[in-house]
Amino acid sequence: MIRIARPMAAGVLFVLMLSATAAAQQQPARNIVNVTGQLYRAQNDNHYTVFLVTSEGVIMSDPINRDFSRWLKNEISTRFRVPG
């Protein structure tokens, strides 16, 4: 019985480790959606923020976290070409 249990346990542990590694490597779901006019909603996984594009720049609410704020800053400068 022990001869069967050890390889089985090792196999289960290996599958769990692979699953955890794959989950850790997934990129967050990120996108920008136009709400109305120049008002946009930005998504970072299950978290959302909004920003308003004006001729003088962008008015932004809380950018959620550092990684998302870097991504969002790049997206805004690429898509909207407004002063920073």
PDB file of N, CA and C in Angstrom:
ATOM      1  N   MET A   1       0.813  -1.188   0.000  1.00  0.00           N
ATOM      2  CA  MET A   1       0.000   0.000   0.000  1.00  0.00           C
ATOM      3  C   MET A   1       0.869   1.269   0.000  1.00  0.00           C
ATOM      4  N   ILE A   2       1.941   1.250   0.772  1.00  0.00           N
ATOM      5  CA  ILE A   2       2.835   2.412   0.847  1.00  0.00           C
ATOM      6  C   ILE A   2       3.511   2.648  -0.501  1.00  0.00           C
ATOM      7  N   ARG A   3       3.811   1.574  -1.225  1.00  0.00           N
ATOM      8  CA  ARG A   3       4.455   1.704  -2.535  1.00  0.00           C
ATOM      9  C   ARG A   3       3.554   2.461  -3.511  1.00  0.00           C
ATOM     10  N   ILE A   4       2.268   2.321  -3.394  1.00  0.00           N
ATOM     11  CA  ILE A   4       1.319   3.014  -4.275  1.00  0.00           C
ATOM     12  C   ILE A   4       1.060   4.427  -3.780  1.00  0.00           C
ATOM     13  N   ALA A   5       0.968   4.607  -2.486  1.00  0.00           N
ATOM     14  CA  ALA A   5       0.608   5.905  -1.903  1.00  0.00           C
ATOM     15  C   ALA A   5       1.682   6.961  -2.143  1.00  0.00           C
ATOM     16  N   ARG A   6       2.940   6.609  -2.032  1.00  0.00           N
ATOM     17  CA  ARG A   6       4.007   7.605  -2.209  1.00  0.00           C
ATOM     18  C   ARG A   6       4.048   8.182  -3.623  1.00  0.00           C
ATOM     19  N   PRO A   7       4.064   7.345  -4.662  1.00  0.00           N
ATOM     20  CA  PRO A   7       4.055   7.918  -6.021  1.00  0.00           C
ATOM     21  C   PRO A   7       2.785   8.719  -6.304  1.00  0.00           C
ATOM     22  N   MET A   8       1.668   8.267  -5.759  1.00  0.00           N
ATOM     23  CA  MET A   8       0.421   9.005  -5.954  1.00  0.00           C
ATOM     24  C   MET A   8       0.495  10.373  -5.294  1.00  0.00           C
ATOM     25  N   ALA A   9       1.000  10.422  -4.071  1.00  0.00           N
ATOM     26  CA  ALA A   9       1.125  11.681  -3.347  1.00  0.00           C
ATOM     27  C   ALA A   9       2.095  12.617  -4.074  1.00  0.00           C
ATOM     28  N   ALA A  10       3.182  12.045  -4.576  1.00  0.00           N
ATOM     29  CA  ALA A  10       4.150  12.859  -5.312  1.00  0.00           C
ATOM     30  C   ALA A  10       3.519  13.415  -6.584  1.00  0.00           C
ATOM     31  N   GLY A  11       2.719  12.604  -7.270  1.00  0.00           N
ATOM     32  CA  GLY A  11       2.040  13.063  -8.488  1.00  0.00           C
ATOM     33  C   GLY A  11       1.051  14.175  -8.196  1.00  0.00           C
ATOM     34  N   VAL A  12       0.278  14.028  -7.129  1.00  0.00           N
ATOM     35  CA  VAL A  12      -0.692  15.061  -6.748  1.00  0.00           C
ATOM     36  C   VAL A  12       0.039  16.347  -6.391  1.00  0.00           C
ATOM     37  N   LEU A  13       1.116  16.232  -5.636  1.00  0.00           N
ATOM     38  CA  LEU A  13       1.895  17.411  -5.256  1.00  0.00           C
ATOM     39  C   LEU A  13       2.469  18.109  -6.488  1.00  0.00           C
ATOM     40  N   PHE A  14       2.947  17.336  -7.447  1.00  0.00           N
ATOM     41  CA  PHE A  14       3.494  17.902  -8.680  1.00  0.00           C
ATOM     42  C   PHE A  14       2.420  18.669  -9.448  1.00  0.00           C
ATOM     43  N   VAL A  15       1.231  18.108  -9.580  1.00  0.00           N
ATOM     44  CA  VAL A  15       0.129  18.783 -10.283  1.00  0.00           C
ATOM     45  C   VAL A  15      -0.258  20.065  -9.559  1.00  0.00           C
ATOM     46  N   LEU A  16      -0.312  20.033  -8.239  1.00  0.00           N
ATOM     47  CA  LEU A  16      -0.640  21.241  -7.473  1.00  0.00           C
ATOM     48  C   LEU A  16       0.418  22.323  -7.666  1.00  0.00           C
ATOM     49  N   MET A  17       1.674  21.941  -7.712  1.00  0.00           N
ATOM     50  CA  MET A  17       2.746  22.913  -7.920  1.00  0.00           C
ATOM     51  C   MET A  17       2.657  23.537  -9.304  1.00  0.00           C
ATOM     52  N   LEU A  18       2.352  22.727 -10.319  1.00  0.00           N
ATOM     53  CA  LEU A  18       2.195  23.258 -11.671  1.00  0.00           C
ATOM     54  C   LEU A  18       1.023  24.233 -11.741  1.00  0.00           C
ATOM     55  N   SER A  19      -0.065  23.902 -11.090  1.00  0.00           N
ATOM     56  CA  SER A  19      -1.239  24.780 -11.084  1.00  0.00           C
ATOM     57  C   SER A  19      -0.916  26.103 -10.408  1.00  0.00           C
ATOM     58  N   ALA A  20      -0.229  26.060  -9.291  1.00  0.00           N
ATOM     59  CA  ALA A  20       0.127  27.282  -8.576  1.00  0.00           C
ATOM     60  C   ALA A  20       1.070  28.143  -9.400  1.00  0.00           C
ATOM     61  N   THR A  21       2.011  27.525 -10.093  1.00  0.00           N
ATOM     62  CA  THR A  21       2.940  28.267 -10.938  1.00  0.00           C
ATOM     63  C   THR A  21       2.220  28.926 -12.095  1.00  0.00           C
ATOM     64  N   ALA A  22       1.305  28.217 -12.725  1.00  0.00           N
ATOM     65  CA  ALA A  22       0.544  28.779 -13.843  1.00  0.00           C
ATOM     66  C   ALA A  22      -0.321  29.939 -13.373  1.00  0.00           C
ATOM     67  N   ALA A  23      -0.936  29.816 -12.230  1.00  0.00           N
ATOM     68  CA  ALA A  23      -1.779  30.896 -11.699  1.00  0.00           C
ATOM     69  C   ALA A  23      -0.948  32.130 -11.378  1.00  0.00           C
ATOM     70  N   ALA A  24       0.259  31.928 -10.870  1.00  0.00           N
ATOM     71  CA  ALA A  24       1.115  33.061 -10.519  1.00  0.00           C
ATOM     72  C   ALA A  24       1.613  33.798 -11.762  1.00  0.00           C
ATOM     73  N   GLN A  25       1.707  33.107 -12.897  1.00  0.00           N
ATOM     74  CA  GLN A  25       2.230  33.717 -14.110  1.00  0.00           C
ATOM     75  C   GLN A  25       1.156  34.393 -14.956  1.00  0.00           C
ATOM     76  N   GLN A  26      -0.105  34.251 -14.616  1.00  0.00           N
ATOM     77  CA  GLN A  26      -1.167  34.860 -15.401  1.00  0.00           C
ATOM     78  C   GLN A  26      -1.119  36.376 -15.270  1.00  0.00           C
ATOM     79  N   GLN A  27      -1.348  37.038 -16.374  1.00  0.00           N
ATOM     80  CA  GLN A  27      -1.405  38.491 -16.380  1.00  0.00           C
ATOM     81  C   GLN A  27      -2.792  38.943 -15.934  1.00  0.00           C
ATOM     82  N   PRO A  28      -2.872  40.061 -15.234  1.00  0.00           N
ATOM     83  CA  PRO A  28      -4.191  40.556 -14.836  1.00  0.00           C
ATOM     84  C   PRO A  28      -5.011  40.981 -16.046  1.00  0.00           C
ATOM     85  N   ALA A  29      -6.320  40.850 -15.929  1.00  0.00           N
ATOM     86  CA  ALA A  29      -7.216  41.314 -16.992  1.00  0.00           C
ATOM     87  C   ALA A  29      -7.249  42.833 -16.947  1.00  0.00           C
ATOM     88  N   ARG A  30      -6.822  43.450 -18.016  1.00  0.00           N
ATOM     89  CA  ARG A  30      -6.775  44.916 -18.066  1.00  0.00           C
ATOM     90  C   ARG A  30      -7.397  45.397 -19.365  1.00  0.00           C
ATOM     91  N   ASN A  31      -8.210  46.437 -19.247  1.00  0.00           N
ATOM     92  CA  ASN A  31      -8.736  47.076 -20.450  1.00  0.00           C
ATOM     93  C   ASN A  31      -9.272  48.453 -20.120  1.00  0.00           C
ATOM     94  N   ILE A  32      -9.571  49.192 -21.178  1.00  0.00           N
ATOM     95  CA  ILE A  32     -10.141  50.532 -21.070  1.00  0.00           C
ATOM     96  C   ILE A  32     -11.402  50.553 -21.910  1.00  0.00           C
ATOM     97  N   VAL A  33     -12.500  51.046 -21.327  1.00  0.00           N
ATOM     98  CA  VAL A  33     -13.789  51.094 -22.001  1.00  0.00           C
ATOM     99  C   VAL A  33     -14.320  52.519 -21.944  1.00  0.00           C
ATOM    100  N   ASN A  34     -14.817  53.016 -23.073  1.00  0.00           N
ATOM    101  CA  ASN A  34     -15.431  54.339 -23.106  1.00  0.00           C
ATOM    102  C   ASN A  34     -16.802  54.269 -22.445  1.00  0.00           C
ATOM    103  N   VAL A  35     -17.033  55.141 -21.452  1.00  0.00           N
ATOM    104  CA  VAL A  35     -18.325  55.195 -20.769  1.00  0.00           C
ATOM    105  C   VAL A  35     -19.252  56.128 -21.533  1.00  0.00           C
ATOM    106  N   THR A  36     -18.805  57.365 -21.726  1.00  0.00           N
ATOM    107  CA  THR A  36     -19.560  58.357 -22.498  1.00  0.00           C
ATOM    108  C   THR A  36     -18.654  59.545 -22.787  1.00  0.00           C
ATOM    109  N   GLY A  37     -18.776  60.131 -23.941  1.00  0.00           N
ATOM    110  CA  GLY A  37     -17.939  61.290 -24.271  1.00  0.00           C
ATOM    111  C   GLY A  37     -16.470  60.968 -24.083  1.00  0.00           C
ATOM    112  N   GLN A  38     -15.809  61.733 -23.238  1.00  0.00           N
ATOM    113  CA  GLN A  38     -14.377  61.527 -22.964  1.00  0.00           C
ATOM    114  C   GLN A  38     -14.140  60.872 -21.598  1.00  0.00           C
ATOM    115  N   LEU A  39     -15.186  60.263 -21.034  1.00  0.00           N
ATOM    116  CA  LEU A  39     -15.079  59.553 -19.756  1.00  0.00           C
ATOM    117  C   LEU A  39     -14.834  58.072 -20.032  1.00  0.00           C
ATOM    118  N   TYR A  40     -13.810  57.511 -19.388  1.00  0.00           N
ATOM    119  CA  TYR A  40     -13.414  56.128 -19.607  1.00  0.00           C
ATOM    120  C   TYR A  40     -13.339  55.370 -18.286  1.00  0.00           C
ATOM    121  N   ARG A  41     -13.570  54.059 -18.367  1.00  0.00           N
ATOM    122  CA  ARG A  41     -13.407  53.164 -17.221  1.00  0.00           C
ATOM    123  C   ARG A  41     -12.243  52.244 -17.529  1.00  0.00           C
ATOM    124  N   ALA A  42     -11.333  52.100 -16.577  1.00  0.00           N
ATOM    125  CA  ALA A  42     -10.190  51.208 -16.740  1.00  0.00           C
ATOM    126  C   ALA A  42     -10.321  50.052 -15.755  1.00  0.00           C
ATOM    127  N   GLN A  43      -9.994  48.858 -16.221  1.00  0.00           N
ATOM    128  CA  GLN A  43     -10.133  47.645 -15.413  1.00  0.00           C
ATOM    129  C   GLN A  43      -8.787  47.020 -15.131  1.00  0.00           C
ATOM    130  N   ASN A  44      -8.610  46.595 -13.890  1.00  0.00           N
ATOM    131  CA  ASN A  44      -7.457  45.800 -13.473  1.00  0.00           C
ATOM    132  C   ASN A  44      -8.015  44.623 -12.681  1.00  0.00           C
ATOM    133  N   ASP A  45      -8.177  43.476 -13.339  1.00  0.00           N
ATOM    134  CA  ASP A  45      -8.862  42.309 -12.773  1.00  0.00           C
ATOM    135  C   ASP A  45     -10.276  42.707 -12.352  1.00  0.00           C
ATOM    136  N   ASN A  46     -10.591  42.588 -11.075  1.00  0.00           N
ATOM    137  CA  ASN A  46     -11.939  42.930 -10.600  1.00  0.00           C
ATOM    138  C   ASN A  46     -12.005  44.331 -10.002  1.00  0.00           C
ATOM    139  N   HIS A  47     -11.030  45.168 -10.284  1.00  0.00           N
ATOM    140  CA  HIS A  47     -10.985  46.528  -9.754  1.00  0.00           C
ATOM    141  C   HIS A  47     -11.124  47.508 -10.921  1.00  0.00           C
ATOM    142  N   TYR A  48     -11.843  48.582 -10.674  1.00  0.00           N
ATOM    143  CA  TYR A  48     -12.107  49.568 -11.722  1.00  0.00           C
ATOM    144  C   TYR A  48     -11.785  50.967 -11.223  1.00  0.00           C
ATOM    145  N   THR A  49     -11.403  51.822 -12.160  1.00  0.00           N
ATOM    146  CA  THR A  49     -11.203  53.237 -11.895  1.00  0.00           C
ATOM    147  C   THR A  49     -11.683  53.995 -13.128  1.00  0.00           C
ATOM    148  N   VAL A  50     -11.827  55.294 -13.012  1.00  0.00           N
ATOM    149  CA  VAL A  50     -12.280  56.101 -14.143  1.00  0.00           C
ATOM    150  C   VAL A  50     -11.305  57.246 -14.386  1.00  0.00           C
ATOM    151  N   PHE A  51     -11.322  57.749 -15.629  1.00  0.00           N
ATOM    152  CA  PHE A  51     -10.543  58.941 -15.947  1.00  0.00           C
ATOM    153  C   PHE A  51     -11.260  59.719 -17.038  1.00  0.00           C
ATOM    154  N   LEU A  52     -11.016  61.020 -17.039  1.00  0.00           N
ATOM    155  CA  LEU A  52     -11.634  61.935 -17.989  1.00  0.00           C
ATOM    156  C   LEU A  52     -10.531  62.573 -18.819  1.00  0.00           C
ATOM    157  N   VAL A  53     -10.652  62.493 -20.124  1.00  0.00           N
ATOM    158  CA  VAL A  53      -9.666  63.075 -21.033  1.00  0.00           C
ATOM    159  C   VAL A  53     -10.127  64.484 -21.391  1.00  0.00           C
ATOM    160  N   THR A  54      -9.254  65.479 -21.156  1.00  0.00           N
ATOM    161  CA  THR A  54      -9.564  66.865 -21.504  1.00  0.00           C
ATOM    162  C   THR A  54      -8.470  67.392 -22.429  1.00  0.00           C
ATOM    163  N   SER A  55      -8.676  68.569 -22.970  1.00  0.00           N
ATOM    164  CA  SER A  55      -7.666  69.162 -23.852  1.00  0.00           C
ATOM    165  C   SER A  55      -6.399  69.535 -23.087  1.00  0.00           C
ATOM    166  N   GLU A  56      -6.495  69.683 -21.767  1.00  0.00           N
ATOM    167  CA  GLU A  56      -5.345  70.059 -20.944  1.00  0.00           C
ATOM    168  C   GLU A  56      -4.655  68.871 -20.293  1.00  0.00           C
ATOM    169  N   GLY A  57      -5.232  67.693 -20.411  1.00  0.00           N
ATOM    170  CA  GLY A  57      -4.643  66.499 -19.799  1.00  0.00           C
ATOM    171  C   GLY A  57      -5.724  65.531 -19.360  1.00  0.00           C
ATOM    172  N   VAL A  58      -5.372  64.656 -18.447  1.00  0.00           N
ATOM    173  CA  VAL A  58      -6.290  63.621 -17.970  1.00  0.00           C
ATOM    174  C   VAL A  58      -6.556  63.828 -16.497  1.00  0.00           C
ATOM    175  N   ILE A  59      -7.821  63.736 -16.123  1.00  0.00           N
ATOM    176  CA  ILE A  59      -8.215  63.774 -14.718  1.00  0.00           C
ATOM    177  C   ILE A  59      -8.457  62.327 -14.312  1.00  0.00           C
ATOM    178  N   MET A  60      -7.727  61.883 -13.295  1.00  0.00           N
ATOM    179  CA  MET A  60      -7.721  60.464 -12.930  1.00  0.00           C
ATOM    180  C   MET A  60      -8.175  60.271 -11.494  1.00  0.00           C
ATOM    181  N   SER A  61      -8.952  59.216 -11.259  1.00  0.00           N
ATOM    182  CA  SER A  61      -9.239  58.811  -9.881  1.00  0.00           C
ATOM    183  C   SER A  61      -8.146  57.835  -9.440  1.00  0.00           C
ATOM    184  N   ASP A  62      -8.319  57.157  -8.355  1.00  0.00           N
ATOM    185  CA  ASP A  62      -7.311  56.248  -7.799  1.00  0.00           C
ATOM    186  C   ASP A  62      -6.864  55.209  -8.829  1.00  0.00           C
ATOM    187  N   PRO A  63      -5.559  55.129  -9.135  1.00  0.00           N
ATOM    188  CA  PRO A  63      -5.082  54.192 -10.146  1.00  0.00           C
ATOM    189  C   PRO A  63      -4.896  52.749  -9.642  1.00  0.00           C
ATOM    190  N   ILE A  64      -5.384  52.416  -8.470  1.00  0.00           N
ATOM    191  CA  ILE A  64      -5.457  51.064  -7.909  1.00  0.00           C
ATOM    192  C   ILE A  64      -4.126  50.559  -7.333  1.00  0.00           C
ATOM    193  N   ASN A  65      -3.093  50.416  -8.148  1.00  0.00           N
ATOM    194  CA  ASN A  65      -1.789  49.970  -7.634  1.00  0.00           C
ATOM    195  C   ASN A  65      -0.684  50.429  -8.581  1.00  0.00           C
ATOM    196  N   ARG A  66       0.540  50.269  -8.163  1.00  0.00           N
ATOM    197  CA  ARG A  66       1.686  50.790  -8.919  1.00  0.00           C
ATOM    198  C   ARG A  66       1.810  50.159 -10.308  1.00  0.00           C
ATOM    199  N   ASP A  67       1.700  48.847 -10.403  1.00  0.00           N
ATOM    200  CA  ASP A  67       1.834  48.190 -11.707  1.00  0.00           C
ATOM    201  C   ASP A  67       0.741  48.635 -12.674  1.00  0.00           C
ATOM    202  N   PHE A  68      -0.486  48.713 -12.171  1.00  0.00           N
ATOM    203  CA  PHE A  68      -1.589  49.134 -13.027  1.00  0.00           C
ATOM    204  C   PHE A  68      -1.430  50.599 -13.428  1.00  0.00           C
ATOM    205  N   SER A  69      -0.951  51.445 -12.522  1.00  0.00           N
ATOM    206  CA  SER A  69      -0.792  52.860 -12.861  1.00  0.00           C
ATOM    207  C   SER A  69       0.245  53.047 -13.958  1.00  0.00           C
ATOM    208  N   ARG A  70       1.294  52.238 -13.957  1.00  0.00           N
ATOM    209  CA  ARG A  70       2.291  52.304 -15.031  1.00  0.00           C
ATOM    210  C   ARG A  70       1.676  51.873 -16.364  1.00  0.00           C
ATOM    211  N   TRP A  71       0.927  50.775 -16.332  1.00  0.00           N
ATOM    212  CA  TRP A  71       0.264  50.292 -17.543  1.00  0.00           C
ATOM    213  C   TRP A  71      -0.707  51.345 -18.057  1.00  0.00           C
ATOM    214  N   LEU A  72      -1.511  51.906 -17.153  1.00  0.00           N
ATOM    215  CA  LEU A  72      -2.531  52.883 -17.525  1.00  0.00           C
ATOM    216  C   LEU A  72      -1.901  54.160 -18.079  1.00  0.00           C
ATOM    217  N   LYS A  73      -0.836  54.622 -17.479  1.00  0.00           N
ATOM    218  CA  LYS A  73      -0.151  55.827 -17.970  1.00  0.00           C
ATOM    219  C   LYS A  73       0.330  55.612 -19.401  1.00  0.00           C
ATOM    220  N   ASN A  74       0.909  54.452 -19.670  1.00  0.00           N
ATOM    221  CA  ASN A  74       1.367  54.141 -21.016  1.00  0.00           C
ATOM    222  C   ASN A  74       0.196  54.065 -22.000  1.00  0.00           C
ATOM    223  N   GLU A  75      -0.887  53.401 -21.617  1.00  0.00           N
ATOM    224  CA  GLU A  75      -2.058  53.285 -22.483  1.00  0.00           C
ATOM    225  C   GLU A  75      -2.659  54.652 -22.796  1.00  0.00           C
ATOM    226  N   ILE A  76      -2.777  55.487 -21.788  1.00  0.00           N
ATOM    227  CA  ILE A  76      -3.366  56.820 -21.991  1.00  0.00           C
ATOM    228  C   ILE A  76      -2.491  57.649 -22.917  1.00  0.00           C
ATOM    229  N   SER A  77      -1.177  57.632 -22.699  1.00  0.00           N
ATOM    230  CA  SER A  77      -0.295  58.438 -23.559  1.00  0.00           C
ATOM    231  C   SER A  77      -0.294  57.924 -24.993  1.00  0.00           C
ATOM    232  N   THR A  78      -0.438  56.617 -25.181  1.00  0.00           N
ATOM    233  CA  THR A  78      -0.468  56.032 -26.522  1.00  0.00           C
ATOM    234  C   THR A  78      -1.793  56.308 -27.236  1.00  0.00           C
ATOM    235  N   ARG A  79      -2.893  56.161 -26.520  1.00  0.00           N
ATOM    236  CA  ARG A  79      -4.208  56.270 -27.139  1.00  0.00           C
ATOM    237  C   ARG A  79      -4.701  57.708 -27.334  1.00  0.00           C
ATOM    238  N   PHE A  80      -4.370  58.591 -26.399  1.00  0.00           N
ATOM    239  CA  PHE A  80      -5.019  59.899 -26.381  1.00  0.00           C
ATOM    240  C   PHE A  80      -4.116  61.075 -26.729  1.00  0.00           C
ATOM    241  N   ARG A  81      -2.835  60.918 -26.636  1.00  0.00           N
ATOM    242  CA  ARG A  81      -1.891  61.980 -27.010  1.00  0.00           C
ATOM    243  C   ARG A  81      -2.247  63.332 -26.392  1.00  0.00           C
ATOM    244  N   VAL A  82      -2.366  63.336 -25.082  1.00  0.00           N
ATOM    245  CA  VAL A  82      -2.655  64.570 -24.345  1.00  0.00           C
ATOM    246  C   VAL A  82      -1.459  64.920 -23.487  1.00  0.00           C
ATOM    247  N   PRO A  83      -1.353  66.187 -23.049  1.00  0.00           N
ATOM    248  CA  PRO A  83      -0.228  66.573 -22.187  1.00  0.00           C
ATOM    249  C   PRO A  83      -0.180  65.743 -20.915  1.00  0.00           C
ATOM    250  N   GLY A  84       1.011  65.425 -20.446  1.00  0.00           N
ATOM    251  CA  GLY A  84       1.192  64.588 -19.258  1.00  0.00           C
ATOM    252  C   GLY A  84       1.171  65.285 -17.971  1.00  0.00           C
TER     253      GLY A  84
END
